[in-house]
Amino acid sequence: MLNKDERNGKIEQAKGRVKQAVGELTGNKHLKTEGQVDEAKGKVQEAVGNVRHAVGDVVDKVGKTMKR
């Protein structure tokens, strides 16, 4: 299951790709650039979410080991 950073990062990336496509179709360089920034921001946010997810998995495993 995705955490909020992973989910929001994926949404931000999709939003960025849409902006880039619309900017390309309309010749709006500002919108295209804004889309590139949004996509990059989404990738970073998703990466943060992936790290949080991995840390959570490790904490769960340690907790289960400690209960034994």
PDB file of N, CA and C in Angstrom:
ATOM      1  N   MET A   1       0.840  -1.178   0.000  1.00  0.00           N
ATOM      2  CA  MET A   1       0.000   0.000   0.000  1.00  0.00           C
ATOM      3  C   MET A   1       0.892   1.251   0.000  1.00  0.00           C
ATOM      4  N   LEU A   2       0.492   2.241  -0.754  1.00  0.00           N
ATOM      5  CA  LEU A   2       1.271   3.470  -0.858  1.00  0.00           C
ATOM      6  C   LEU A   2       1.034   4.370   0.348  1.00  0.00           C
ATOM      7  N   ASN A   3       2.100   5.028   0.799  1.00  0.00           N
ATOM      8  CA  ASN A   3       1.909   6.039   1.835  1.00  0.00           C
ATOM      9  C   ASN A   3       1.580   7.372   1.158  1.00  0.00           C
ATOM     10  N   LYS A   4       1.281   8.391   1.945  1.00  0.00           N
ATOM     11  CA  LYS A   4       0.806   9.655   1.365  1.00  0.00           C
ATOM     12  C   LYS A   4       1.852  10.308   0.459  1.00  0.00           C
ATOM     13  N   ASP A   5       3.126  10.198   0.791  1.00  0.00           N
ATOM     14  CA  ASP A   5       4.154  10.800  -0.056  1.00  0.00           C
ATOM     15  C   ASP A   5       4.272  10.071  -1.391  1.00  0.00           C
ATOM     16  N   GLU A   6       4.207   8.760  -1.345  1.00  0.00           N
ATOM     17  CA  GLU A   6       4.270   7.991  -2.591  1.00  0.00           C
ATOM     18  C   GLU A   6       3.075   8.335  -3.488  1.00  0.00           C
ATOM     19  N   ARG A   7       1.885   8.344  -2.894  1.00  0.00           N
ATOM     20  CA  ARG A   7       0.659   8.644  -3.644  1.00  0.00           C
ATOM     21  C   ARG A   7       0.683  10.065  -4.202  1.00  0.00           C
ATOM     22  N   ASN A   8       0.982  11.032  -3.347  1.00  0.00           N
ATOM     23  CA  ASN A   8       0.992  12.426  -3.797  1.00  0.00           C
ATOM     24  C   ASN A   8       2.093  12.684  -4.819  1.00  0.00           C
ATOM     25  N   GLY A   9       3.209  11.991  -4.686  1.00  0.00           N
ATOM     26  CA  GLY A   9       4.289  12.124  -5.661  1.00  0.00           C
ATOM     27  C   GLY A   9       3.866  11.638  -7.032  1.00  0.00           C
ATOM     28  N   LYS A  10       3.164  10.510  -7.068  1.00  0.00           N
ATOM     29  CA  LYS A  10       2.672   9.981  -8.337  1.00  0.00           C
ATOM     30  C   LYS A  10       1.653  10.932  -8.964  1.00  0.00           C
ATOM     31  N   ILE A  11       0.793  11.513  -8.135  1.00  0.00           N
ATOM     32  CA  ILE A  11      -0.206  12.475  -8.628  1.00  0.00           C
ATOM     33  C   ILE A  11       0.492  13.710  -9.195  1.00  0.00           C
ATOM     34  N   GLU A  12       1.484  14.209  -8.480  1.00  0.00           N
ATOM     35  CA  GLU A  12       2.228  15.389  -8.925  1.00  0.00           C
ATOM     36  C   GLU A  12       2.941  15.120 -10.252  1.00  0.00           C
ATOM     37  N   GLN A  13       3.491  13.926 -10.399  1.00  0.00           N
ATOM     38  CA  GLN A  13       4.156  13.567 -11.657  1.00  0.00           C
ATOM     39  C   GLN A  13       3.153  13.549 -12.806  1.00  0.00           C
ATOM     40  N   ALA A  14       1.995  12.969 -12.571  1.00  0.00           N
ATOM     41  CA  ALA A  14       0.968  12.912 -13.614  1.00  0.00           C
ATOM     42  C   ALA A  14       0.508  14.316 -13.991  1.00  0.00           C
ATOM     43  N   LYS A  15       0.315  15.152 -12.981  1.00  0.00           N
ATOM     44  CA  LYS A  15      -0.085  16.543 -13.228  1.00  0.00           C
ATOM     45  C   LYS A  15       0.976  17.244 -14.068  1.00  0.00           C
ATOM     46  N   GLY A  16       2.222  17.004 -13.754  1.00  0.00           N
ATOM     47  CA  GLY A  16       3.318  17.614 -14.500  1.00  0.00           C
ATOM     48  C   GLY A  16       3.353  17.157 -15.944  1.00  0.00           C
ATOM     49  N   ARG A  17       3.116  15.864 -16.171  1.00  0.00           N
ATOM     50  CA  ARG A  17       3.111  15.348 -17.548  1.00  0.00           C
ATOM     51  C   ARG A  17       1.973  15.951 -18.356  1.00  0.00           C
ATOM     52  N   VAL A  18       0.817  16.134 -17.718  1.00  0.00           N
ATOM     53  CA  VAL A  18      -0.321  16.747 -18.407  1.00  0.00           C
ATOM     54  C   VAL A  18       0.014  18.190 -18.774  1.00  0.00           C
ATOM     55  N   LYS A  19       0.568  18.930 -17.836  1.00  0.00           N
ATOM     56  CA  LYS A  19       0.945  20.320 -18.114  1.00  0.00           C
ATOM     57  C   LYS A  19       1.960  20.403 -19.248  1.00  0.00           C
ATOM     58  N   GLN A  20       2.916  19.483 -19.248  1.00  0.00           N
ATOM     59  CA  GLN A  20       3.916  19.472 -20.313  1.00  0.00           C
ATOM     60  C   GLN A  20       3.255  19.226 -21.666  1.00  0.00           C
ATOM     61  N   ALA A  21       2.339  18.281 -21.718  1.00  0.00           N
ATOM     62  CA  ALA A  21       1.661  17.958 -22.973  1.00  0.00           C
ATOM     63  C   ALA A  21       0.828  19.135 -23.469  1.00  0.00           C
ATOM     64  N   VAL A  22       0.094  19.758 -22.558  1.00  0.00           N
ATOM     65  CA  VAL A  22      -0.724  20.909 -22.938  1.00  0.00           C
ATOM     66  C   VAL A  22       0.169  22.060 -23.371  1.00  0.00           C
ATOM     67  N   GLY A  23       1.239  22.280 -22.650  1.00  0.00           N
ATOM     68  CA  GLY A  23       2.182  23.330 -23.019  1.00  0.00           C
ATOM     69  C   GLY A  23       2.796  23.087 -24.388  1.00  0.00           C
ATOM     70  N   GLU A  24       3.105  21.845 -24.675  1.00  0.00           N
ATOM     71  CA  GLU A  24       3.673  21.485 -25.975  1.00  0.00           C
ATOM     72  C   GLU A  24       2.656  21.720 -27.086  1.00  0.00           C
ATOM     73  N   LEU A  25       1.417  21.291 -26.848  1.00  0.00           N
ATOM     74  CA  LEU A  25       0.368  21.432 -27.864  1.00  0.00           C
ATOM     75  C   LEU A  25       0.006  22.887 -28.151  1.00  0.00           C
ATOM     76  N   THR A  26       0.039  23.710 -27.106  1.00  0.00           N
ATOM     77  CA  THR A  26      -0.365  25.110 -27.264  1.00  0.00           C
ATOM     78  C   THR A  26       0.809  26.040 -27.525  1.00  0.00           C
ATOM     79  N   GLY A  27       2.024  25.504 -27.437  1.00  0.00           N
ATOM     80  CA  GLY A  27       3.201  26.348 -27.634  1.00  0.00           C
ATOM     81  C   GLY A  27       3.499  27.230 -26.432  1.00  0.00           C
ATOM     82  N   ASN A  28       2.953  26.862 -25.282  1.00  0.00           N
ATOM     83  CA  ASN A  28       3.140  27.637 -24.052  1.00  0.00           C
ATOM     84  C   ASN A  28       4.368  27.100 -23.320  1.00  0.00           C
ATOM     85  N   LYS A  29       5.497  27.762 -23.505  1.00  0.00           N
ATOM     86  CA  LYS A  29       6.756  27.299 -22.900  1.00  0.00           C
ATOM     87  C   LYS A  29       6.710  27.365 -21.377  1.00  0.00           C
ATOM     88  N   HIS A  30       6.040  28.394 -20.854  1.00  0.00           N
ATOM     89  CA  HIS A  30       5.938  28.538 -19.394  1.00  0.00           C
ATOM     90  C   HIS A  30       5.202  27.342 -18.787  1.00  0.00           C
ATOM     91  N   LEU A  31       4.084  26.945 -19.396  1.00  0.00           N
ATOM     92  CA  LEU A  31       3.312  25.812 -18.886  1.00  0.00           C
ATOM     93  C   LEU A  31       4.106  24.512 -19.007  1.00  0.00           C
ATOM     94  N   LYS A  32       4.818  24.363 -20.103  1.00  0.00           N
ATOM     95  CA  LYS A  32       5.646  23.167 -20.295  1.00  0.00           C
ATOM     96  C   LYS A  32       6.724  23.093 -19.214  1.00  0.00           C
ATOM     97  N   THR A  33       7.386  24.209 -18.949  1.00  0.00           N
ATOM     98  CA  THR A  33       8.427  24.251 -17.918  1.00  0.00           C
ATOM     99  C   THR A  33       7.832  23.989 -16.538  1.00  0.00           C
ATOM    100  N   GLU A  34       6.664  24.565 -16.278  1.00  0.00           N
ATOM    101  CA  GLU A  34       5.984  24.338 -15.003  1.00  0.00           C
ATOM    102  C   GLU A  34       5.680  22.845 -14.835  1.00  0.00           C
ATOM    103  N   GLY A  35       5.285  22.206 -15.911  1.00  0.00           N
ATOM    104  CA  GLY A  35       5.020  20.774 -15.874  1.00  0.00           C
ATOM    105  C   GLY A  35       6.274  19.966 -15.573  1.00  0.00           C
ATOM    106  N   GLN A  36       7.391  20.377 -16.134  1.00  0.00           N
ATOM    107  CA  GLN A  36       8.653  19.688 -15.864  1.00  0.00           C
ATOM    108  C   GLN A  36       9.032  19.809 -14.397  1.00  0.00           C
ATOM    109  N   VAL A  37       8.814  20.998 -13.844  1.00  0.00           N
ATOM    110  CA  VAL A  37       9.107  21.225 -12.422  1.00  0.00           C
ATOM    111  C   VAL A  37       8.188  20.364 -11.554  1.00  0.00           C
ATOM    112  N   ASP A  38       6.893  20.345 -11.900  1.00  0.00           N
ATOM    113  CA  ASP A  38       5.946  19.533 -11.132  1.00  0.00           C
ATOM    114  C   ASP A  38       6.317  18.056 -11.181  1.00  0.00           C
ATOM    115  N   GLU A  39       6.700  17.583 -12.353  1.00  0.00           N
ATOM    116  CA  GLU A  39       7.075  16.174 -12.482  1.00  0.00           C
ATOM    117  C   GLU A  39       8.309  15.854 -11.639  1.00  0.00           C
ATOM    118  N   ALA A  40       9.298  16.737 -11.676  1.00  0.00           N
ATOM    119  CA  ALA A  40      10.517  16.526 -10.882  1.00  0.00           C
ATOM    120  C   ALA A  40      10.191  16.551  -9.386  1.00  0.00           C
ATOM    121  N   LYS A  41       9.351  17.487  -8.990  1.00  0.00           N
ATOM    122  CA  LYS A  41       8.935  17.583  -7.592  1.00  0.00           C
ATOM    123  C   LYS A  41       8.222  16.301  -7.160  1.00  0.00           C
ATOM    124  N   GLY A  42       7.386  15.776  -8.041  1.00  0.00           N
ATOM    125  CA  GLY A  42       6.680  14.536  -7.746  1.00  0.00           C
ATOM    126  C   GLY A  42       7.616  13.359  -7.599  1.00  0.00           C
ATOM    127  N   LYS A  43       8.661  13.316  -8.420  1.00  0.00           N
ATOM    128  CA  LYS A  43       9.634  12.224  -8.320  1.00  0.00           C
ATOM    129  C   LYS A  43      10.355  12.272  -6.981  1.00  0.00           C
ATOM    130  N   VAL A  44      10.698  13.470  -6.542  1.00  0.00           N
ATOM    131  CA  VAL A  44      11.370  13.619  -5.249  1.00  0.00           C
ATOM    132  C   VAL A  44      10.432  13.194  -4.126  1.00  0.00           C
ATOM    133  N   GLN A  45       9.185  13.647  -4.200  1.00  0.00           N
ATOM    134  CA  GLN A  45       8.224  13.304  -3.157  1.00  0.00           C
ATOM    135  C   GLN A  45       7.976  11.795  -3.118  1.00  0.00           C
ATOM    136  N   GLU A  46       7.897  11.171  -4.278  1.00  0.00           N
ATOM    137  CA  GLU A  46       7.712   9.723  -4.315  1.00  0.00           C
ATOM    138  C   GLU A  46       8.930   9.009  -3.720  1.00  0.00           C
ATOM    139  N   ALA A  47      10.123   9.512  -4.025  1.00  0.00           N
ATOM    140  CA  ALA A  47      11.347   8.913  -3.478  1.00  0.00           C
ATOM    141  C   ALA A  47      11.362   9.017  -1.950  1.00  0.00           C
ATOM    142  N   VAL A  48      10.941  10.152  -1.426  1.00  0.00           N
ATOM    143  CA  VAL A  48      10.845  10.310   0.035  1.00  0.00           C
ATOM    144  C   VAL A  48       9.866   9.283   0.597  1.00  0.00           C
ATOM    145  N   GLY A  49       8.757   9.114  -0.089  1.00  0.00           N
ATOM    146  CA  GLY A  49       7.774   8.126   0.338  1.00  0.00           C
ATOM    147  C   GLY A  49       8.327   6.722   0.308  1.00  0.00           C
ATOM    148  N   ASN A  50       9.111   6.418  -0.722  1.00  0.00           N
ATOM    149  CA  ASN A  50       9.725   5.086  -0.813  1.00  0.00           C
ATOM    150  C   ASN A  50      10.661   4.839   0.361  1.00  0.00           C
ATOM    151  N   VAL A  51      11.431   5.856   0.740  1.00  0.00           N
ATOM    152  CA  VAL A  51      12.346   5.724   1.881  1.00  0.00           C
ATOM    153  C   VAL A  51      11.553   5.518   3.165  1.00  0.00           C
ATOM    154  N   ARG A  52      10.504   6.325   3.336  1.00  0.00           N
ATOM    155  CA  ARG A  52       9.667   6.175   4.536  1.00  0.00           C
ATOM    156  C   ARG A  52       9.064   4.776   4.601  1.00  0.00           C
ATOM    157  N   HIS A  53       8.631   4.293   3.457  1.00  0.00           N
ATOM    158  CA  HIS A  53       8.040   2.958   3.376  1.00  0.00           C
ATOM    159  C   HIS A  53       9.068   1.893   3.779  1.00  0.00           C
ATOM    160  N   ALA A  54      10.277   2.018   3.240  1.00  0.00           N
ATOM    161  CA  ALA A  54      11.336   1.057   3.544  1.00  0.00           C
ATOM    162  C   ALA A  54      11.702   1.086   5.029  1.00  0.00           C
ATOM    163  N   VAL A  55      11.787   2.285   5.590  1.00  0.00           N
ATOM    164  CA  VAL A  55      12.108   2.412   7.015  1.00  0.00           C
ATOM    165  C   VAL A  55      10.999   1.778   7.852  1.00  0.00           C
ATOM    166  N   GLY A  56       9.768   2.006   7.464  1.00  0.00           N
ATOM    167  CA  GLY A  56       8.639   1.410   8.177  1.00  0.00           C
ATOM    168  C   GLY A  56       8.687  -0.107   8.144  1.00  0.00           C
ATOM    169  N   ASP A  57       9.059  -0.657   6.986  1.00  0.00           N
ATOM    170  CA  ASP A  57       9.181  -2.118   6.871  1.00  0.00           C
ATOM    171  C   ASP A  57      10.258  -2.655   7.805  1.00  0.00           C
ATOM    172  N   VAL A  58      11.383  -1.952   7.874  1.00  0.00           N
ATOM    173  CA  VAL A  58      12.479  -2.381   8.755  1.00  0.00           C
ATOM    174  C   VAL A  58      12.043  -2.318  10.210  1.00  0.00           C
ATOM    175  N   VAL A  59      11.361  -1.248  10.579  1.00  0.00           N
ATOM    176  CA  VAL A  59      10.885  -1.106  11.956  1.00  0.00           C
ATOM    177  C   VAL A  59       9.919  -2.238  12.297  1.00  0.00           C
ATOM    178  N   ASP A  60       9.033  -2.572  11.367  1.00  0.00           N
ATOM    179  CA  ASP A  60       8.100  -3.688  11.599  1.00  0.00           C
ATOM    180  C   ASP A  60       8.843  -4.995  11.814  1.00  0.00           C
ATOM    181  N   LYS A  61       9.845  -5.258  10.977  1.00  0.00           N
ATOM    182  CA  LYS A  61      10.622  -6.499  11.103  1.00  0.00           C
ATOM    183  C   LYS A  61      11.373  -6.557  12.424  1.00  0.00           C
ATOM    184  N   VAL A  62      11.956  -5.435  12.814  1.00  0.00           N
ATOM    185  CA  VAL A  62      12.676  -5.384  14.099  1.00  0.00           C
ATOM    186  C   VAL A  62      11.687  -5.628  15.242  1.00  0.00           C
ATOM    187  N   GLY A  63      10.522  -4.998  15.167  1.00  0.00           N
ATOM    188  CA  GLY A  63       9.519  -5.186  16.208  1.00  0.00           C
ATOM    189  C   GLY A  63       9.086  -6.629  16.317  1.00  0.00           C
ATOM    190  N   LYS A  64       8.884  -7.288  15.197  1.00  0.00           N
ATOM    191  CA  LYS A  64       8.478  -8.698  15.215  1.00  0.00           C
ATOM    192  C   LYS A  64       9.589  -9.581  15.776  1.00  0.00           C
ATOM    193  N   THR A  65      10.836  -9.246  15.444  1.00  0.00           N
ATOM    194  CA  THR A  65      11.971  -9.998  15.964  1.00  0.00           C
ATOM    195  C   THR A  65      12.098  -9.834  17.473  1.00  0.00           C
ATOM    196  N   MET A  66      11.870  -8.631  17.952  1.00  0.00           N
ATOM    197  CA  MET A  66      11.979  -8.345  19.381  1.00  0.00           C
ATOM    198  C   MET A  66      10.906  -9.074  20.191  1.00  0.00           C
ATOM    199  N   LYS A  67       9.738  -9.308  19.592  1.00  0.00           N
ATOM    200  CA  LYS A  67       8.640  -9.984  20.297  1.00  0.00           C
ATOM    201  C   LYS A  67       8.908 -11.463  20.489  1.00  0.00           C
ATOM    202  N   ARG A  68       9.794 -12.010  19.693  1.00  0.00           N
ATOM    203  CA  ARG A  68      10.086 -13.451  19.797  1.00  0.00           C
ATOM    204  C   ARG A  68      10.815 -13.755  21.022  1.00  0.00           C
TER     205      ARG A  68
END
